[in-house]
Amino acid sequence: MPSSRGAVRAGRPGPAPAAGPAVRPADPGPPALLALPLARRTGAAAAREFGAAGMSEAANAWAADADRRYRASTELRELRGAEGAAVRVGVKDIVDAAGFATRLGLRDYRHHPRASARVLRGLRGVVVNAKLVTPELSIGLEHGCVNPYFPHLAPSGSSTGSAVAVAANICDIALGTDSVASIRLPAAACGVVGLRMTHRPRLLDRVFPLSPPLDSPGWLARTAEDLEHFWLTSGIAGTLAGAPGGAGRPVGRVFRIGLVEEALRDPCAPQVRQAVDRLCGALADAGHRVVPVRPDAVTRWRGATYELCSRTAWDAYRARREEFAPRLADSTRVALEAGAAVGDRRYGELLDALRGSRAVVPGLFAEAAVDVWLMPVTPALPRAVSRPSGSASTMPDPGDPDYELRVGWSPVASWAGLPAITLPVAVDAVHRAPIAVQAVGPAGSEPALIALAREITRLVGGPLPALAEAAEASAASEASEASEHLDAPERPASPQTPAVPEEGALP
């Protein structure tokens, strides 16, 4: 897999900008070719409709400028010459990428791998141009990133930099990891598409083992169309060959969708419930089958997923803590302490329950005669940066008054070891916030999930037009506020869609 050379910037992101209203100047957005759908851009490159060297120069200038504003990367590299025709891939900073330091989100830790993680090996037509921000050990809260389309909303985590980088067009595709929610929550908060892959232990080679029973790599892209193009052209099917679930079964035209109605009850926000209801109506009108399902053998373990994650995170930390500087942020320390409190007996019970649930999962889809389970990722809208998270840790405590809200529905795929895709389906006008859904499929059903995401995008008419409209509304509102506060500090601008066609960080 090719990797570019020539560092533009290395080191931790700088401090977040001062809060407050700001005038957002007209933003030309990324170069027109960068903004094209990947299939069109790579086709134009193959037809030599543009000079790859010039494209490299333009992409480098845009990435450096965007990263100064949104702080998505820990290390950003320049493209050289013909690399401008490649698909730019960013990598979460707990995954090894040859030629880049792995920092694990820590201030004083550096590992310089000689080889890339297995999930990156053998990809073709791509170039790694960035290592992307994650909170400490992918379990802390602090990250320093700014949400590109929705700067007033927290971008969530812990694949924070991965979501921010694709939203800001610093990368075309980003590699993240997902233990409980880490790809899907930031994708939902930033208005992009996130795919957690099937749990395949062999793909975790050279990935920091936050929670081996739950961990899965996955991918983020601006659109389902771009994700599909990457999936079909990058050679990832070869990477998955021989792994459980393979590269997925053929995709049909009509989807049989199981709606997890339990996920739409309180404390689900009414805006989320309405968006899911509208989507189900659109799917039914388009000829797809939508039926209620109750996969209780999995959903009842949602809270336990966090217990298991915290215990395995503690085990990973204590096995290597001599390598790490002792200074950790309070949120990281509190999350690790939650894991230390999960005793060996309870840990064994959790592992037994996990194996039992996974054994019955195939039958749950077969008995209900559905291809996917559909539900929100989280029952809440993304958190505004002006509102404190209200939690000291990424790990929900059963004694918290908002426990059910914080647990959400992302653990369903994690506990079951299944792939899941998240994408925006609406924008709440009042809060200027994207609303996302997730579809969870059987092992190896990634191609079907991507195809469903494309169909959903077709039905809801987005997501980019809706996000562009939301960004314009945000700009107008901020400009109006700024007219009354002319001396307020400036907030980063949001990238506009060109004319050319949470709570905190969770592991």
Protein backbone atom coordinates (compact mmCIF):
# COMPACT_ATOMS: atom_id res chain seq x y z
CA MET A 1 0.00 0.00 0.00
CA PRO A 2 1.55 3.31 -1.01
CA SER A 3 2.27 5.99 1.56
CA SER A 4 3.14 9.59 0.85
CA ARG A 5 6.19 11.42 2.14
CA GLY A 6 7.06 14.93 3.20
CA ALA A 7 5.47 16.03 6.44
CA VAL A 8 3.39 19.18 6.39
CA ARG A 9 2.83 19.12 10.14
CA ALA A 10 3.45 16.72 12.97
CA GLY A 11 2.46 16.68 16.62
CA ARG A 12 -0.70 17.08 18.66
CA PRO A 13 -3.46 19.42 17.53
CA GLY A 14 -3.42 22.90 18.98
CA PRO A 15 -5.95 24.22 21.48
CA ALA A 16 -9.58 24.51 20.44
CA PRO A 17 -10.68 27.98 19.30
CA ALA A 18 -12.38 30.31 21.74
CA ALA A 19 -16.13 29.80 21.97
CA GLY A 20 -18.57 32.48 20.88
CA PRO A 21 -20.48 33.72 17.84
CA ALA A 22 -18.51 34.52 14.73
CA VAL A 23 -18.84 35.96 11.28
CA ARG A 24 -18.32 33.14 8.85
CA PRO A 25 -16.79 34.53 5.65
CA ALA A 26 -17.62 33.09 2.27
CA ASP A 27 -15.75 29.81 2.04
CA PRO A 28 -14.81 28.60 -1.44
CA GLY A 29 -14.70 25.02 -0.18
CA PRO A 30 -12.25 22.39 -1.39
CA PRO A 31 -11.02 22.35 -5.01
CA ALA A 32 -13.80 21.27 -7.35
CA LEU A 33 -12.11 17.99 -8.27
CA LEU A 34 -11.72 17.03 -4.61
CA ALA A 35 -15.42 17.62 -4.08
CA LEU A 36 -16.48 15.27 -6.86
CA PRO A 37 -17.86 11.84 -5.95
CA LEU A 38 -14.95 9.42 -5.78
CA ALA A 39 -16.16 7.37 -8.75
CA ARG A 40 -16.22 10.46 -10.97
CA ARG A 41 -12.90 11.74 -9.72
CA THR A 42 -11.03 8.45 -10.11
CA GLY A 43 -12.62 8.00 -13.53
CA ALA A 44 -11.42 11.44 -14.56
CA ALA A 45 -7.95 10.58 -13.28
CA ALA A 46 -7.87 7.34 -15.27
CA ALA A 47 -8.93 9.27 -18.39
CA ARG A 48 -6.17 11.83 -17.67
CA GLU A 49 -8.67 14.66 -17.58
CA PHE A 50 -6.52 16.45 -15.03
CA GLY A 51 -2.87 16.51 -14.04
CA ALA A 52 -2.19 14.37 -11.00
CA ALA A 53 0.74 16.55 -9.89
CA GLY A 54 -1.45 19.65 -9.92
CA MET A 55 -4.10 17.74 -8.02
CA SER A 56 -1.53 16.81 -5.37
CA GLU A 57 -0.61 20.45 -4.92
CA ALA A 58 -4.24 21.54 -4.62
CA ALA A 59 -5.11 18.70 -2.22
CA ASN A 60 -2.11 19.48 -0.02
CA ALA A 61 -3.03 23.16 0.23
CA TRP A 62 -6.64 22.39 1.09
CA ALA A 63 -5.79 19.68 3.64
CA ALA A 64 -3.30 21.91 5.46
CA ASP A 65 -5.76 24.81 5.61
CA ALA A 66 -8.70 22.63 6.69
CA ASP A 67 -6.65 20.86 9.34
CA ARG A 68 -5.63 24.16 10.90
CA ARG A 69 -9.32 24.87 11.43
CA TYR A 70 -10.70 21.47 12.38
CA ARG A 71 -7.65 19.79 13.99
CA ALA A 72 -8.38 16.30 12.75
CA SER A 73 -4.84 14.97 12.40
CA THR A 74 -1.81 14.27 14.53
CA GLU A 75 0.35 13.95 11.42
CA LEU A 76 -0.45 15.20 7.93
CA ARG A 77 1.63 14.27 4.88
CA GLU A 78 1.95 15.87 1.48
CA LEU A 79 0.93 14.00 -1.66
CA ARG A 80 3.60 13.84 -4.34
CA GLY A 81 3.14 13.79 -8.10
CA ALA A 82 0.92 10.93 -9.27
CA GLU A 83 -0.42 10.37 -5.73
CA GLY A 84 -2.90 13.16 -6.49
CA ALA A 85 -4.93 10.65 -8.50
CA ALA A 86 -5.26 8.25 -5.56
CA VAL A 87 -7.96 7.98 -2.91
CA ARG A 88 -6.71 9.74 0.23
CA VAL A 89 -7.04 7.57 3.35
CA GLY A 90 -6.62 8.74 6.94
CA VAL A 91 -5.92 6.31 9.78
CA LYS A 92 -7.06 6.50 13.42
CA ASP A 93 -4.13 6.90 15.77
CA ILE A 94 -4.46 3.50 17.48
CA VAL A 95 -3.89 1.70 14.15
CA ASP A 96 -0.37 1.20 12.80
CA ALA A 97 0.41 2.75 9.41
CA ALA A 98 3.96 2.35 8.13
CA GLY A 99 5.79 5.68 7.95
CA PHE A 100 3.61 7.32 10.61
CA ALA A 101 3.98 7.38 14.39
CA THR A 102 1.30 5.68 16.46
CA ARG A 103 0.50 7.81 19.52
CA LEU A 104 -2.62 6.14 21.00
CA GLY A 105 -3.92 9.62 21.78
CA LEU A 106 -1.21 10.04 24.46
CA ARG A 107 0.95 13.13 24.91
CA ASP A 108 4.28 11.44 25.47
CA TYR A 109 4.03 8.11 23.65
CA ARG A 110 5.39 7.34 20.18
CA HIS A 111 5.67 4.02 18.38
CA HIS A 112 7.15 3.90 14.88
CA PRO A 113 5.83 0.73 13.20
CA ARG A 114 7.73 -0.92 10.38
CA ALA A 115 4.54 -2.45 8.95
CA SER A 116 0.92 -1.38 8.62
CA ALA A 117 -2.03 -3.05 10.29
CA ARG A 118 -3.48 -6.04 8.46
CA VAL A 119 -6.66 -4.16 7.58
CA LEU A 120 -4.57 -1.68 5.53
CA ARG A 121 -2.38 -4.17 3.73
CA GLY A 122 -3.07 -4.91 0.09
CA LEU A 123 -5.34 -1.92 -0.54
CA ARG A 124 -4.87 -0.52 -4.01
CA GLY A 125 -5.42 2.91 -5.53
CA VAL A 126 -5.07 4.60 -2.14
CA VAL A 127 -2.49 6.70 -0.32
CA VAL A 128 -2.36 7.29 3.43
CA ASN A 129 -2.09 11.05 3.94
CA ALA A 130 -2.95 11.49 7.62
CA LYS A 131 -2.87 9.97 11.07
CA LEU A 132 -6.06 11.03 12.84
CA VAL A 133 -6.90 12.21 16.34
CA THR A 134 -8.34 9.95 19.01
CA PRO A 135 -8.73 10.65 22.74
CA GLU A 136 -6.30 9.00 25.16
CA LEU A 137 -6.25 5.24 24.61
CA SER A 138 -9.52 5.74 22.69
CA ILE A 139 -11.36 5.80 25.99
CA GLY A 140 -10.90 9.37 27.19
CA LEU A 141 -13.05 12.41 26.46
CA GLU A 142 -10.66 15.16 25.31
CA HIS A 143 -9.77 15.42 21.62
CA GLY A 144 -9.57 19.09 20.49
CA CYS A 145 -11.34 18.55 17.13
CA VAL A 146 -13.96 20.89 15.63
CA ASN A 147 -17.06 19.56 13.83
CA PRO A 148 -16.74 20.91 10.25
CA TYR A 149 -20.37 21.16 9.11
CA PHE A 150 -21.76 21.75 12.58
CA PRO A 151 -19.13 23.66 14.60
CA HIS A 152 -21.63 24.26 17.39
CA LEU A 153 -21.92 20.49 18.00
CA ALA A 154 -19.43 18.17 19.70
CA PRO A 155 -18.00 15.76 17.09
CA SER A 156 -18.08 12.85 19.57
CA GLY A 157 -15.59 9.99 19.53
CA SER A 158 -13.41 8.13 19.81
CA SER A 159 -12.80 7.91 16.04
CA THR A 160 -13.18 11.67 16.28
CA GLY A 161 -10.47 12.70 13.85
CA SER A 162 -11.68 10.10 11.34
CA ALA A 163 -15.15 11.66 11.12
CA VAL A 164 -13.85 15.23 11.15
CA ALA A 165 -11.24 14.51 8.45
CA VAL A 166 -13.72 13.14 5.92
CA ALA A 167 -16.30 15.84 6.68
CA ALA A 168 -13.62 18.49 6.10
CA ASN A 169 -12.31 16.76 2.92
CA ILE A 170 -8.86 16.29 4.44
CA CYS A 171 -9.25 12.61 3.54
CA ASP A 172 -11.63 10.85 1.18
CA ILE A 173 -11.93 7.77 3.38
CA ALA A 174 -10.90 7.31 7.00
CA LEU A 175 -10.14 4.14 8.90
CA GLY A 176 -11.54 4.04 12.43
CA THR A 177 -12.17 1.42 15.06
CA ASP A 178 -15.44 0.68 16.84
CA SER A 179 -15.69 -1.11 20.18
CA VAL A 180 -19.07 0.17 21.36
CA ALA A 181 -19.82 3.27 19.27
CA SER A 182 -16.60 4.90 18.19
CA ILE A 183 -17.17 5.02 14.43
CA ARG A 184 -20.91 5.42 14.47
CA LEU A 185 -21.34 8.24 16.99
CA PRO A 186 -18.82 10.64 15.38
CA ALA A 187 -20.22 9.79 11.94
CA ALA A 188 -23.69 10.68 13.23
CA ALA A 189 -22.51 13.93 14.87
CA CYS A 190 -20.55 15.10 11.81
CA GLY A 191 -23.18 14.11 9.23
CA VAL A 192 -21.08 11.52 7.39
CA VAL A 193 -21.36 7.77 6.75
CA GLY A 194 -19.71 5.28 9.08
CA LEU A 195 -19.35 1.52 8.64
CA ARG A 196 -18.41 -0.79 11.49
CA MET A 197 -17.28 -4.08 9.94
CA THR A 198 -18.00 -7.60 11.16
CA HIS A 199 -15.94 -8.60 14.21
CA ARG A 200 -12.97 -10.40 12.63
CA PRO A 201 -10.18 -10.91 15.20
CA ARG A 202 -7.47 -11.43 12.58
CA LEU A 203 -8.02 -7.90 11.26
CA LEU A 204 -6.98 -6.50 14.66
CA ASP A 205 -3.31 -7.23 14.05
CA ARG A 206 -1.36 -4.01 14.83
CA VAL A 207 -4.45 -2.31 16.28
CA PHE A 208 -4.31 -1.25 19.95
CA PRO A 209 -6.47 -3.86 21.76
CA LEU A 210 -8.96 -1.68 23.59
CA SER A 211 -11.53 -4.50 23.73
CA PRO A 212 -10.64 -7.57 21.65
CA PRO A 213 -14.07 -9.25 22.09
CA LEU A 214 -15.78 -6.11 20.73
CA ASP A 215 -13.23 -4.25 18.58
CA SER A 216 -13.78 -3.94 14.86
CA PRO A 217 -12.14 -1.72 12.26
CA GLY A 218 -14.36 0.24 9.93
CA TRP A 219 -14.54 3.07 7.44
CA LEU A 220 -15.95 6.59 7.21
CA ALA A 221 -16.81 8.50 4.04
CA ARG A 222 -18.72 11.61 3.10
CA THR A 223 -21.39 9.62 1.27
CA ALA A 224 -22.59 6.06 0.83
CA GLU A 225 -21.67 6.39 -2.84
CA ASP A 226 -18.06 7.16 -1.96
CA LEU A 227 -17.96 4.29 0.55
CA GLU A 228 -19.31 1.88 -2.06
CA HIS A 229 -16.71 3.00 -4.61
CA PHE A 230 -13.93 2.44 -2.09
CA TRP A 231 -15.33 -0.96 -1.12
CA LEU A 232 -15.53 -2.13 -4.72
CA THR A 233 -12.21 -0.78 -6.01
CA SER A 234 -9.73 -0.85 -3.12
CA GLY A 235 -9.29 -4.61 -2.95
CA ILE A 236 -10.71 -4.87 0.55
CA ALA A 237 -12.61 -8.01 -0.49
CA GLY A 238 -9.20 -9.68 -0.76
CA THR A 239 -8.32 -8.46 2.71
CA LEU A 240 -11.48 -10.11 4.03
CA ALA A 241 -11.02 -13.36 2.10
CA GLY A 242 -11.01 -16.26 4.50
CA ALA A 243 -12.31 -14.17 7.39
CA PRO A 244 -15.65 -14.98 9.07
CA GLY A 245 -18.42 -13.66 6.88
CA GLY A 246 -16.11 -13.16 3.89
CA ALA A 247 -16.79 -10.06 1.82
CA GLY A 248 -20.58 -10.39 1.93
CA ARG A 249 -23.42 -11.94 0.00
CA PRO A 250 -24.90 -10.57 -3.24
CA VAL A 251 -27.25 -7.63 -2.80
CA GLY A 252 -30.84 -7.75 -4.01
CA ARG A 253 -33.12 -4.89 -4.97
CA VAL A 254 -35.74 -5.21 -2.22
CA PHE A 255 -34.73 -5.02 1.44
CA ARG A 256 -36.51 -6.73 4.29
CA ILE A 257 -36.04 -4.35 7.19
CA GLY A 258 -36.66 -5.15 10.84
CA LEU A 259 -37.50 -2.00 12.81
CA VAL A 260 -36.42 -2.24 16.46
CA GLU A 261 -39.43 -0.35 17.84
CA GLU A 262 -38.10 -0.55 21.40
CA ALA A 263 -35.39 1.92 20.37
CA LEU A 264 -38.00 4.58 19.58
CA ARG A 265 -39.53 4.66 23.05
CA ASP A 266 -38.52 7.07 25.81
CA PRO A 267 -35.92 8.45 26.27
CA CYS A 268 -35.72 8.69 22.46
CA ALA A 269 -35.88 12.34 21.35
CA PRO A 270 -39.06 13.13 19.38
CA GLN A 271 -36.99 14.49 16.47
CA VAL A 272 -35.18 11.16 16.19
CA ARG A 273 -38.43 9.19 16.41
CA GLN A 274 -40.06 11.33 13.70
CA ALA A 275 -37.06 10.99 11.39
CA VAL A 276 -37.10 7.20 11.72
CA ASP A 277 -40.87 7.10 11.16
CA ARG A 278 -40.55 9.19 7.99
CA LEU A 279 -37.72 6.99 6.73
CA CYS A 280 -39.72 3.80 7.31
CA GLY A 281 -42.64 5.30 5.42
CA ALA A 282 -40.38 6.22 2.50
CA LEU A 283 -38.86 2.73 2.47
CA ALA A 284 -42.30 1.08 2.47
CA ASP A 285 -43.52 3.40 -0.29
CA ALA A 286 -40.49 2.39 -2.37
CA GLY A 287 -41.46 -1.27 -2.11
CA HIS A 288 -39.24 -2.41 0.73
CA ARG A 289 -40.66 -4.52 3.55
CA VAL A 290 -40.58 -2.96 7.02
CA VAL A 291 -41.67 -5.08 10.00
CA PRO A 292 -41.20 -4.77 13.78
CA VAL A 293 -38.57 -7.00 15.41
CA ARG A 294 -37.42 -7.68 18.98
CA PRO A 295 -33.87 -9.12 19.03
CA ASP A 296 -34.00 -9.35 22.82
CA ALA A 297 -31.19 -11.90 23.01
CA VAL A 298 -28.87 -9.04 22.01
CA THR A 299 -30.57 -5.81 23.04
CA ARG A 300 -30.86 -6.76 26.70
CA TRP A 301 -27.05 -6.79 26.94
CA ARG A 302 -26.54 -3.19 25.80
CA GLY A 303 -25.45 -1.94 29.20
CA ALA A 304 -23.25 -4.97 29.77
CA THR A 305 -21.35 -4.10 26.61
CA TYR A 306 -19.85 -1.11 28.42
CA GLU A 307 -18.89 -3.30 31.38
CA LEU A 308 -17.05 -5.66 29.08
CA CYS A 309 -15.39 -2.81 27.21
CA SER A 310 -14.18 -1.10 30.36
CA ARG A 311 -12.75 -4.33 31.83
CA THR A 312 -10.85 -5.22 28.66
CA ALA A 313 -9.61 -1.63 28.33
CA TRP A 314 -8.25 -1.88 31.88
CA ASP A 315 -6.53 -5.16 31.00
CA ALA A 316 -4.96 -3.59 27.88
CA TYR A 317 -3.72 -0.63 29.89
CA ARG A 318 -2.25 -2.54 32.82
CA ALA A 319 -0.44 -4.93 30.43
CA ARG A 320 1.47 -1.99 28.92
CA ARG A 321 1.31 0.85 31.43
CA GLU A 322 5.07 0.82 31.92
CA GLU A 323 5.32 2.05 28.31
CA PHE A 324 2.95 4.96 28.92
CA ALA A 325 3.65 8.16 30.78
CA PRO A 326 1.76 8.09 34.09
CA ARG A 327 -0.11 11.34 33.38
CA LEU A 328 -3.61 10.60 32.11
CA ALA A 329 -6.60 12.92 31.88
CA ASP A 330 -9.21 12.47 34.60
CA SER A 331 -11.79 11.10 32.14
CA THR A 332 -9.35 8.42 30.96
CA ARG A 333 -8.47 7.44 34.50
CA VAL A 334 -12.13 7.23 35.58
CA ALA A 335 -13.00 5.01 32.62
CA LEU A 336 -10.09 2.68 33.41
CA GLU A 337 -11.09 2.54 37.07
CA ALA A 338 -14.57 1.42 36.01
CA GLY A 339 -12.94 -1.50 34.23
CA ALA A 340 -10.76 -2.34 37.22
CA ALA A 341 -13.95 -2.67 39.28
CA VAL A 342 -15.29 -5.47 37.03
CA GLY A 343 -14.10 -8.58 38.84
CA ASP A 344 -12.90 -11.80 37.25
CA ARG A 345 -16.11 -13.67 38.05
CA ARG A 346 -18.27 -10.99 36.41
CA TYR A 347 -15.84 -10.82 33.48
CA GLY A 348 -16.26 -14.55 32.91
CA GLU A 349 -20.04 -14.21 33.06
CA LEU A 350 -19.93 -11.45 30.46
CA LEU A 351 -17.79 -13.51 28.09
CA ASP A 352 -20.12 -16.52 28.47
CA ALA A 353 -23.15 -14.32 27.75
CA LEU A 354 -21.40 -12.82 24.73
CA ARG A 355 -20.72 -16.25 23.23
CA GLY A 356 -24.31 -17.32 23.92
CA SER A 357 -25.78 -14.27 22.21
CA ARG A 358 -23.56 -14.60 19.16
CA ALA A 359 -24.51 -18.24 18.76
CA VAL A 360 -28.19 -17.35 18.32
CA VAL A 361 -27.80 -14.19 16.21
CA PRO A 362 -28.07 -15.87 12.77
CA GLY A 363 -31.36 -17.42 13.85
CA LEU A 364 -32.75 -14.03 14.90
CA PHE A 365 -32.48 -12.71 11.36
CA ALA A 366 -33.79 -15.94 9.85
CA GLU A 367 -36.78 -16.24 12.18
CA ALA A 368 -37.88 -12.67 11.50
CA ALA A 369 -37.13 -13.05 7.77
CA VAL A 370 -35.28 -9.73 7.67
CA ASP A 371 -31.99 -8.59 6.14
CA VAL A 372 -31.18 -5.88 8.68
CA TRP A 373 -32.23 -4.35 11.98
CA LEU A 374 -32.96 -0.62 11.75
CA MET A 375 -32.71 1.72 14.76
CA PRO A 376 -31.16 5.00 15.89
CA VAL A 377 -27.49 4.99 16.87
CA THR A 378 -28.39 7.09 19.87
CA PRO A 379 -31.76 8.32 21.16
CA ALA A 380 -30.37 11.86 21.60
CA LEU A 381 -29.35 14.68 19.28
CA PRO A 382 -25.61 15.48 19.18
CA ARG A 383 -24.51 17.58 22.14
CA ALA A 384 -23.89 21.31 21.68
CA VAL A 385 -20.34 22.35 22.60
CA SER A 386 -21.82 25.09 24.77
CA ARG A 387 -23.48 22.44 26.98
CA PRO A 388 -21.21 20.47 29.36
CA SER A 389 -21.25 16.73 28.77
CA GLY A 390 -22.40 16.14 32.35
CA SER A 391 -20.26 13.00 32.65
CA ALA A 392 -16.76 12.38 33.96
CA SER A 393 -16.21 9.24 31.88
CA THR A 394 -17.11 7.55 28.64
CA MET A 395 -18.46 4.60 30.63
CA PRO A 396 -22.13 4.98 31.68
CA ASP A 397 -22.86 4.11 35.29
CA PRO A 398 -26.16 2.32 36.08
CA GLY A 399 -26.67 4.85 38.85
CA ASP A 400 -26.62 7.80 36.44
CA PRO A 401 -30.06 9.42 35.96
CA ASP A 402 -29.46 9.47 32.19
CA TYR A 403 -28.08 5.93 32.04
CA GLU A 404 -30.49 4.63 29.36
CA LEU A 405 -29.90 7.73 27.24
CA ARG A 406 -26.14 7.31 27.41
CA VAL A 407 -26.18 3.57 26.71
CA GLY A 408 -28.11 4.11 23.47
CA TRP A 409 -28.32 1.53 20.70
CA SER A 410 -24.82 1.32 19.29
CA PRO A 411 -23.96 -1.62 21.64
CA VAL A 412 -26.35 -3.90 19.72
CA ALA A 413 -23.90 -4.46 16.84
CA SER A 414 -20.89 -4.52 19.16
CA TRP A 415 -22.28 -7.20 21.48
CA ALA A 416 -23.40 -9.32 18.54
CA GLY A 417 -20.12 -8.86 16.62
CA LEU A 418 -22.06 -7.60 13.59
CA PRO A 419 -21.46 -4.96 10.92
CA ALA A 420 -23.47 -1.74 11.12
CA ILE A 421 -23.74 1.32 8.93
CA THR A 422 -24.71 4.80 10.10
CA LEU A 423 -25.81 7.71 7.92
CA PRO A 424 -27.69 11.00 8.28
CA VAL A 425 -31.35 11.02 7.23
CA ALA A 426 -32.48 14.47 8.40
CA VAL A 427 -31.33 17.75 9.93
CA ASP A 428 -33.21 19.17 12.89
CA ALA A 429 -33.82 22.82 11.99
CA VAL A 430 -34.19 24.08 15.55
CA HIS A 431 -30.94 22.62 16.88
CA ARG A 432 -29.17 22.62 13.50
CA ALA A 433 -28.20 19.01 14.15
CA PRO A 434 -27.95 15.95 11.90
CA ILE A 435 -30.15 12.96 12.76
CA ALA A 436 -28.72 9.56 11.89
CA VAL A 437 -29.96 5.99 11.75
CA GLN A 438 -28.05 2.73 11.78
CA ALA A 439 -28.69 -0.56 10.05
CA VAL A 440 -27.21 -3.72 11.60
CA GLY A 441 -26.79 -6.77 9.38
CA PRO A 442 -25.63 -10.39 9.69
CA ALA A 443 -21.92 -11.22 9.67
CA GLY A 444 -20.37 -10.42 6.30
CA SER A 445 -23.25 -8.27 5.08
CA GLU A 446 -21.20 -5.10 4.55
CA PRO A 447 -22.01 -4.86 0.79
CA ALA A 448 -25.74 -5.14 1.53
CA LEU A 449 -25.50 -2.47 4.23
CA ILE A 450 -23.71 -0.10 1.85
CA ALA A 451 -26.34 -0.75 -0.81
CA LEU A 452 -29.11 -0.03 1.71
CA ALA A 453 -27.35 3.21 2.71
CA ARG A 454 -27.31 4.25 -0.95
CA GLU A 455 -31.02 3.48 -1.24
CA ILE A 456 -31.79 5.44 1.93
CA THR A 457 -29.76 8.37 0.62
CA ARG A 458 -31.78 8.27 -2.61
CA LEU A 459 -35.04 8.32 -0.69
CA VAL A 460 -34.19 11.12 1.75
CA GLY A 461 -32.55 13.28 -0.91
CA GLY A 462 -29.14 13.73 0.65
CA PRO A 463 -27.18 13.74 2.71
CA LEU A 464 -24.97 16.47 1.29
CA PRO A 465 -27.74 18.80 0.06
CA ALA A 466 -29.34 18.69 3.50
CA LEU A 467 -26.02 19.27 5.20
CA ALA A 468 -25.19 22.17 2.92
CA GLU A 469 -28.56 23.74 3.70
CA ALA A 470 -27.93 23.25 7.41
CA ALA A 471 -24.48 24.79 7.10
CA GLU A 472 -25.93 27.81 5.32
CA ALA A 473 -28.58 28.19 8.03
CA SER A 474 -25.87 27.93 10.67
CA ALA A 475 -23.83 30.59 8.90
CA ALA A 476 -26.78 32.95 8.61
CA SER A 477 -27.62 32.51 12.28
CA GLU A 478 -24.05 33.04 13.42
CA ALA A 479 -23.64 36.08 11.17
CA SER A 480 -26.82 37.57 12.64
CA GLU A 481 -25.54 36.99 16.18
CA ALA A 482 -22.14 38.36 15.27
CA SER A 483 -23.62 41.64 14.06
CA GLU A 484 -24.43 42.30 17.72
CA HIS A 485 -21.03 41.12 18.94
CA LEU A 486 -18.54 42.47 16.44
CA ASP A 487 -15.61 41.99 18.78
CA ALA A 488 -16.32 38.31 19.47
CA PRO A 489 -13.50 35.82 18.74
CA GLU A 490 -13.68 34.06 15.41
CA ARG A 491 -14.89 30.46 15.06
CA PRO A 492 -13.63 28.19 12.25
CA ALA A 493 -15.61 28.27 9.01
CA SER A 494 -17.52 25.21 7.80
CA PRO A 495 -16.78 23.72 4.40
CA GLN A 496 -19.61 24.28 1.96
CA THR A 497 -20.75 21.70 -0.56
CA PRO A 498 -19.43 22.97 -3.89
CA ALA A 499 -21.65 23.42 -6.93
CA VAL A 500 -19.66 20.73 -8.68
CA PRO A 501 -21.26 17.52 -8.25
CA GLU A 502 -23.28 12.64 22.14
CA GLU A 503 -22.25 12.65 24.47
CA GLY A 504 -18.48 13.04 24.63
CA ALA A 505 -16.25 10.34 23.21
CA LEU A 506 -17.28 6.73 23.34
CA PRO A 507 -14.99 3.77 22.63
